[in-house]
Amino acid sequence: MHAQITIPGFYRVIKGDEVTSSIAFNLGRKESDLSYYSDKELDEMANTDDASFKVLNGTAKNLTEQIAANLAGQPLWRYFLWITLFCFLLEITVLRFWRRAKIKKEKQG
């Protein structure tokens, strides 16, 4: 059958006047290769700088949590809240000392 089909595509299997099933053929046998990467090979590929995927391990419940965490990303709002509070306190401190310095300068001058 390999030598008979020279064009890749979907073919119908006909018995008499009835279509019994459909078959797909690829010319490139590499597409039909069912070999797969081992866990170690996947981990090595995922740990490279240009990897566009992550390997997740765990139970179904743990896996769901990992996927949700990856979709949500790193929540940064807490950091920005602390930075905002720090800047606010810094501004209050600067204004107090600036006002005191301004009052001292007016008394001296």
N, C-alpha and C. Protein backbone atom coordinates (compact mmCIF):
# COMPACT_ATOMS: atom_id res chain seq x y z
N MET A 1 0.81 -1.18 0.00
CA MET A 1 0.00 0.00 0.00
C MET A 1 0.87 1.26 0.00
N HIS A 2 2.07 1.20 0.60
CA HIS A 2 2.94 2.37 0.66
C HIS A 2 3.35 2.83 -0.73
N ALA A 3 3.62 1.92 -1.61
CA ALA A 3 4.06 2.30 -2.95
C ALA A 3 2.89 2.74 -3.83
N GLN A 4 1.67 2.37 -3.48
CA GLN A 4 0.51 2.71 -4.29
C GLN A 4 0.04 4.14 -4.08
N ILE A 5 0.16 4.65 -2.88
CA ILE A 5 -0.31 6.00 -2.58
C ILE A 5 0.88 6.95 -2.64
N THR A 6 0.81 7.94 -3.55
CA THR A 6 1.91 8.89 -3.71
C THR A 6 1.52 10.31 -3.33
N ILE A 7 0.25 10.55 -3.03
CA ILE A 7 -0.22 11.88 -2.65
C ILE A 7 -0.79 11.81 -1.24
N PRO A 8 -0.28 12.65 -0.31
CA PRO A 8 -0.82 12.63 1.05
C PRO A 8 -2.25 13.18 1.08
N GLY A 9 -3.03 12.68 2.02
CA GLY A 9 -4.39 13.19 2.15
C GLY A 9 -5.31 12.19 2.81
N PHE A 10 -6.60 12.49 2.76
CA PHE A 10 -7.62 11.62 3.33
C PHE A 10 -8.24 10.79 2.21
N TYR A 11 -8.40 9.51 2.46
CA TYR A 11 -8.98 8.60 1.48
C TYR A 11 -10.14 7.85 2.11
N ARG A 12 -11.16 7.58 1.27
CA ARG A 12 -12.31 6.80 1.73
C ARG A 12 -12.13 5.35 1.33
N VAL A 13 -12.48 4.47 2.25
CA VAL A 13 -12.46 3.04 1.97
C VAL A 13 -13.89 2.67 1.56
N ILE A 14 -14.02 2.18 0.32
CA ILE A 14 -15.33 1.87 -0.23
C ILE A 14 -15.44 0.38 -0.45
N LYS A 15 -16.53 -0.17 0.03
CA LYS A 15 -16.83 -1.59 -0.17
C LYS A 15 -18.16 -1.65 -0.92
N GLY A 16 -18.08 -2.00 -2.18
CA GLY A 16 -19.28 -1.98 -3.02
C GLY A 16 -19.65 -0.54 -3.30
N ASP A 17 -20.86 -0.15 -2.91
CA ASP A 17 -21.30 1.24 -3.07
C ASP A 17 -21.28 1.99 -1.74
N GLU A 18 -20.78 1.37 -0.70
CA GLU A 18 -20.84 1.94 0.65
C GLU A 18 -19.45 2.36 1.13
N VAL A 19 -19.37 3.57 1.72
CA VAL A 19 -18.12 4.05 2.32
C VAL A 19 -18.04 3.43 3.72
N THR A 20 -17.01 2.63 3.94
CA THR A 20 -16.89 1.94 5.23
C THR A 20 -16.08 2.75 6.25
N SER A 21 -15.07 3.50 5.80
CA SER A 21 -14.27 4.31 6.72
C SER A 21 -13.42 5.29 5.93
N SER A 22 -12.67 6.08 6.66
CA SER A 22 -11.73 7.03 6.05
C SER A 22 -10.34 6.78 6.61
N ILE A 23 -9.34 7.01 5.78
CA ILE A 23 -7.95 6.81 6.18
C ILE A 23 -7.15 8.04 5.74
N ALA A 24 -6.19 8.43 6.56
CA ALA A 24 -5.30 9.54 6.21
C ALA A 24 -3.89 8.99 6.02
N PHE A 25 -3.22 9.47 4.98
CA PHE A 25 -1.84 9.05 4.70
C PHE A 25 -0.94 10.27 4.62
N ASN A 26 0.25 10.15 5.21
CA ASN A 26 1.29 11.18 5.14
C ASN A 26 2.46 10.60 4.37
N LEU A 27 3.06 11.43 3.54
CA LEU A 27 4.25 10.96 2.84
C LEU A 27 5.46 11.01 3.75
N GLY A 28 5.57 12.07 4.53
CA GLY A 28 6.68 12.18 5.47
C GLY A 28 6.44 11.23 6.64
N ARG A 29 7.23 10.21 6.77
CA ARG A 29 7.01 9.22 7.83
C ARG A 29 7.33 9.78 9.21
N LYS A 30 8.03 10.91 9.25
CA LYS A 30 8.36 11.50 10.53
C LYS A 30 7.09 11.97 11.27
N GLU A 31 6.06 12.38 10.52
CA GLU A 31 4.80 12.79 11.14
C GLU A 31 4.09 11.63 11.81
N SER A 32 4.33 10.44 11.34
CA SER A 32 3.68 9.26 11.90
C SER A 32 4.50 8.60 13.00
N ASP A 33 5.65 9.18 13.31
CA ASP A 33 6.51 8.61 14.34
C ASP A 33 5.87 8.82 15.71
N LEU A 34 5.63 7.76 16.45
CA LEU A 34 4.95 7.84 17.74
C LEU A 34 5.91 7.83 18.93
N SER A 35 7.20 8.04 18.68
CA SER A 35 8.13 8.10 19.80
C SER A 35 7.94 9.43 20.53
N TYR A 36 8.31 9.49 21.79
CA TYR A 36 8.10 10.67 22.61
C TYR A 36 9.31 10.90 23.50
N TYR A 37 9.36 12.10 24.07
CA TYR A 37 10.48 12.46 24.94
C TYR A 37 10.29 11.86 26.33
N SER A 38 11.40 11.56 26.97
CA SER A 38 11.34 11.07 28.35
C SER A 38 11.15 12.26 29.29
N ASP A 39 10.83 11.98 30.56
CA ASP A 39 10.67 13.05 31.55
C ASP A 39 11.94 13.87 31.68
N LYS A 40 13.08 13.19 31.67
CA LYS A 40 14.36 13.87 31.81
C LYS A 40 14.62 14.80 30.62
N GLU A 41 14.32 14.33 29.40
CA GLU A 41 14.53 15.15 28.21
C GLU A 41 13.61 16.38 28.23
N LEU A 42 12.36 16.20 28.65
CA LEU A 42 11.45 17.33 28.73
C LEU A 42 11.92 18.36 29.75
N ASP A 43 12.39 17.88 30.91
CA ASP A 43 12.90 18.81 31.93
C ASP A 43 14.11 19.58 31.41
N GLU A 44 14.99 18.91 30.69
CA GLU A 44 16.17 19.59 30.14
C GLU A 44 15.76 20.65 29.12
N MET A 45 14.79 20.33 28.27
CA MET A 45 14.33 21.31 27.27
C MET A 45 13.60 22.48 27.93
N ALA A 46 12.85 22.21 28.99
CA ALA A 46 12.09 23.27 29.67
C ALA A 46 12.99 24.21 30.45
N ASN A 47 14.17 23.75 30.85
CA ASN A 47 15.07 24.56 31.65
C ASN A 47 16.02 25.42 30.82
N THR A 48 15.87 25.43 29.51
CA THR A 48 16.70 26.29 28.68
C THR A 48 16.10 27.69 28.66
N ASP A 49 16.92 28.67 28.26
CA ASP A 49 16.47 30.07 28.25
C ASP A 49 15.39 30.34 27.22
N ASP A 50 15.42 29.62 26.10
CA ASP A 50 14.45 29.89 25.04
C ASP A 50 13.24 28.95 25.06
N ALA A 51 13.03 28.26 26.17
CA ALA A 51 11.89 27.35 26.27
C ALA A 51 10.58 28.14 26.36
N SER A 52 9.59 27.69 25.61
CA SER A 52 8.29 28.37 25.62
C SER A 52 7.24 27.53 26.34
N PHE A 53 7.69 26.59 27.17
CA PHE A 53 6.76 25.74 27.90
C PHE A 53 7.33 25.39 29.26
N LYS A 54 6.46 24.91 30.15
CA LYS A 54 6.83 24.47 31.48
C LYS A 54 6.37 23.05 31.67
N VAL A 55 7.12 22.27 32.44
CA VAL A 55 6.72 20.91 32.78
C VAL A 55 6.11 20.95 34.18
N LEU A 56 4.86 20.52 34.30
CA LEU A 56 4.16 20.51 35.58
C LEU A 56 4.03 19.08 36.06
N ASN A 57 4.35 18.84 37.31
CA ASN A 57 4.23 17.50 37.89
C ASN A 57 3.30 17.57 39.08
N GLY A 58 2.55 16.52 39.30
CA GLY A 58 1.71 16.48 40.49
C GLY A 58 0.40 15.77 40.27
N THR A 59 -0.41 15.79 41.31
CA THR A 59 -1.73 15.17 41.25
C THR A 59 -2.68 16.08 40.48
N ALA A 60 -3.87 15.59 40.21
CA ALA A 60 -4.85 16.36 39.44
C ALA A 60 -5.21 17.66 40.17
N LYS A 61 -5.43 17.60 41.48
CA LYS A 61 -5.78 18.81 42.22
C LYS A 61 -4.60 19.78 42.24
N ASN A 62 -3.42 19.27 42.51
CA ASN A 62 -2.21 20.09 42.54
C ASN A 62 -1.95 20.67 41.15
N LEU A 63 -2.18 19.89 40.12
CA LEU A 63 -1.96 20.34 38.75
C LEU A 63 -2.90 21.48 38.40
N THR A 64 -4.14 21.39 38.84
CA THR A 64 -5.11 22.47 38.61
C THR A 64 -4.65 23.75 39.29
N GLU A 65 -4.14 23.64 40.50
CA GLU A 65 -3.64 24.82 41.21
C GLU A 65 -2.42 25.41 40.50
N GLN A 66 -1.53 24.56 40.00
CA GLN A 66 -0.35 25.03 39.28
C GLN A 66 -0.74 25.77 38.01
N ILE A 67 -1.71 25.23 37.29
CA ILE A 67 -2.15 25.89 36.05
C ILE A 67 -2.78 27.23 36.38
N ALA A 68 -3.61 27.28 37.40
CA ALA A 68 -4.25 28.53 37.80
C ALA A 68 -3.19 29.57 38.21
N ALA A 69 -2.17 29.13 38.93
CA ALA A 69 -1.10 30.05 39.35
C ALA A 69 -0.32 30.57 38.14
N ASN A 70 -0.08 29.71 37.16
CA ASN A 70 0.64 30.14 35.95
C ASN A 70 -0.19 31.12 35.14
N LEU A 71 -1.50 30.92 35.10
CA LEU A 71 -2.35 31.84 34.34
C LEU A 71 -2.48 33.18 35.04
N ALA A 72 -2.53 33.16 36.38
CA ALA A 72 -2.68 34.40 37.14
C ALA A 72 -1.38 35.20 37.16
N GLY A 73 -0.27 34.54 37.08
CA GLY A 73 1.00 35.24 37.15
C GLY A 73 1.36 35.59 38.58
N GLN A 74 2.36 36.43 38.73
CA GLN A 74 2.81 36.86 40.05
C GLN A 74 2.02 38.08 40.48
N PRO A 75 1.26 37.97 41.58
CA PRO A 75 0.50 39.14 42.03
C PRO A 75 1.46 40.20 42.59
N LEU A 76 1.48 41.36 41.95
CA LEU A 76 2.41 42.42 42.33
C LEU A 76 1.75 43.54 43.12
N TRP A 77 0.45 43.48 43.33
CA TRP A 77 -0.24 44.59 43.97
C TRP A 77 0.28 44.85 45.38
N ARG A 78 0.68 43.80 46.09
CA ARG A 78 1.20 44.00 47.46
C ARG A 78 2.48 44.83 47.44
N TYR A 79 3.35 44.55 46.49
CA TYR A 79 4.60 45.30 46.38
C TYR A 79 4.31 46.77 46.07
N PHE A 80 3.40 47.01 45.15
CA PHE A 80 3.07 48.39 44.80
C PHE A 80 2.40 49.12 45.96
N LEU A 81 1.61 48.41 46.73
CA LEU A 81 1.00 49.02 47.90
C LEU A 81 2.06 49.46 48.90
N TRP A 82 3.05 48.62 49.18
CA TRP A 82 4.13 48.97 50.10
C TRP A 82 4.96 50.12 49.56
N ILE A 83 5.24 50.10 48.26
CA ILE A 83 6.00 51.20 47.66
C ILE A 83 5.23 52.50 47.78
N THR A 84 3.92 52.45 47.55
CA THR A 84 3.08 53.65 47.67
C THR A 84 3.09 54.19 49.10
N LEU A 85 2.94 53.30 50.07
CA LEU A 85 2.96 53.74 51.47
C LEU A 85 4.32 54.34 51.83
N PHE A 86 5.39 53.72 51.36
CA PHE A 86 6.73 54.25 51.63
C PHE A 86 6.89 55.65 51.03
N CYS A 87 6.44 55.83 49.79
CA CYS A 87 6.54 57.14 49.15
C CYS A 87 5.70 58.18 49.87
N PHE A 88 4.52 57.77 50.32
CA PHE A 88 3.65 58.67 51.07
C PHE A 88 4.31 59.12 52.36
N LEU A 89 4.89 58.19 53.11
CA LEU A 89 5.59 58.53 54.36
C LEU A 89 6.81 59.39 54.08
N LEU A 90 7.51 59.10 53.01
CA LEU A 90 8.67 59.90 52.63
C LEU A 90 8.25 61.33 52.29
N GLU A 91 7.14 61.48 51.59
CA GLU A 91 6.64 62.82 51.26
C GLU A 91 6.25 63.59 52.51
N ILE A 92 5.57 62.93 53.44
CA ILE A 92 5.20 63.59 54.70
C ILE A 92 6.44 64.04 55.45
N THR A 93 7.45 63.18 55.52
CA THR A 93 8.69 63.51 56.22
C THR A 93 9.39 64.70 55.55
N VAL A 94 9.49 64.69 54.24
CA VAL A 94 10.15 65.78 53.52
C VAL A 94 9.40 67.09 53.74
N LEU A 95 8.07 67.05 53.67
CA LEU A 95 7.28 68.28 53.86
C LEU A 95 7.44 68.84 55.27
N ARG A 96 7.51 67.98 56.26
CA ARG A 96 7.69 68.45 57.65
C ARG A 96 9.03 69.15 57.81
N PHE A 97 10.09 68.48 57.35
CA PHE A 97 11.41 69.08 57.51
C PHE A 97 11.57 70.31 56.63
N TRP A 98 10.96 70.32 55.48
CA TRP A 98 11.05 71.47 54.58
C TRP A 98 10.34 72.67 55.21
N ARG A 99 9.17 72.40 55.80
CA ARG A 99 8.42 73.47 56.47
C ARG A 99 9.22 74.02 57.65
N ARG A 100 9.82 73.14 58.45
CA ARG A 100 10.64 73.60 59.59
C ARG A 100 11.83 74.41 59.11
N ALA A 101 12.46 73.94 58.05
CA ALA A 101 13.62 74.66 57.52
C ALA A 101 13.19 76.02 56.98
N LYS A 102 12.03 76.07 56.35
CA LYS A 102 11.52 77.33 55.79
C LYS A 102 11.18 78.31 56.91
N ILE A 103 10.58 77.82 57.98
CA ILE A 103 10.23 78.67 59.13
C ILE A 103 11.50 79.19 59.79
N LYS A 104 12.53 78.35 59.97
CA LYS A 104 13.80 78.77 60.56
C LYS A 104 14.46 79.85 59.70
N LYS A 105 14.40 79.66 58.39
CA LYS A 105 15.03 80.62 57.49
C LYS A 105 14.32 81.97 57.55
N GLU A 106 12.99 81.94 57.68
CA GLU A 106 12.24 83.20 57.77
C GLU A 106 12.53 83.92 59.08
N LYS A 107 12.70 83.18 60.18
CA LYS A 107 13.00 83.79 61.47
C LYS A 107 14.40 84.41 61.45
N GLN A 108 15.32 83.76 60.75
CA GLN A 108 16.70 84.27 60.69
C GLN A 108 16.81 85.45 59.75
N GLY A 109 16.04 85.46 58.72
CA GLY A 109 16.20 86.48 57.68
C GLY A 109 15.28 87.58 57.78
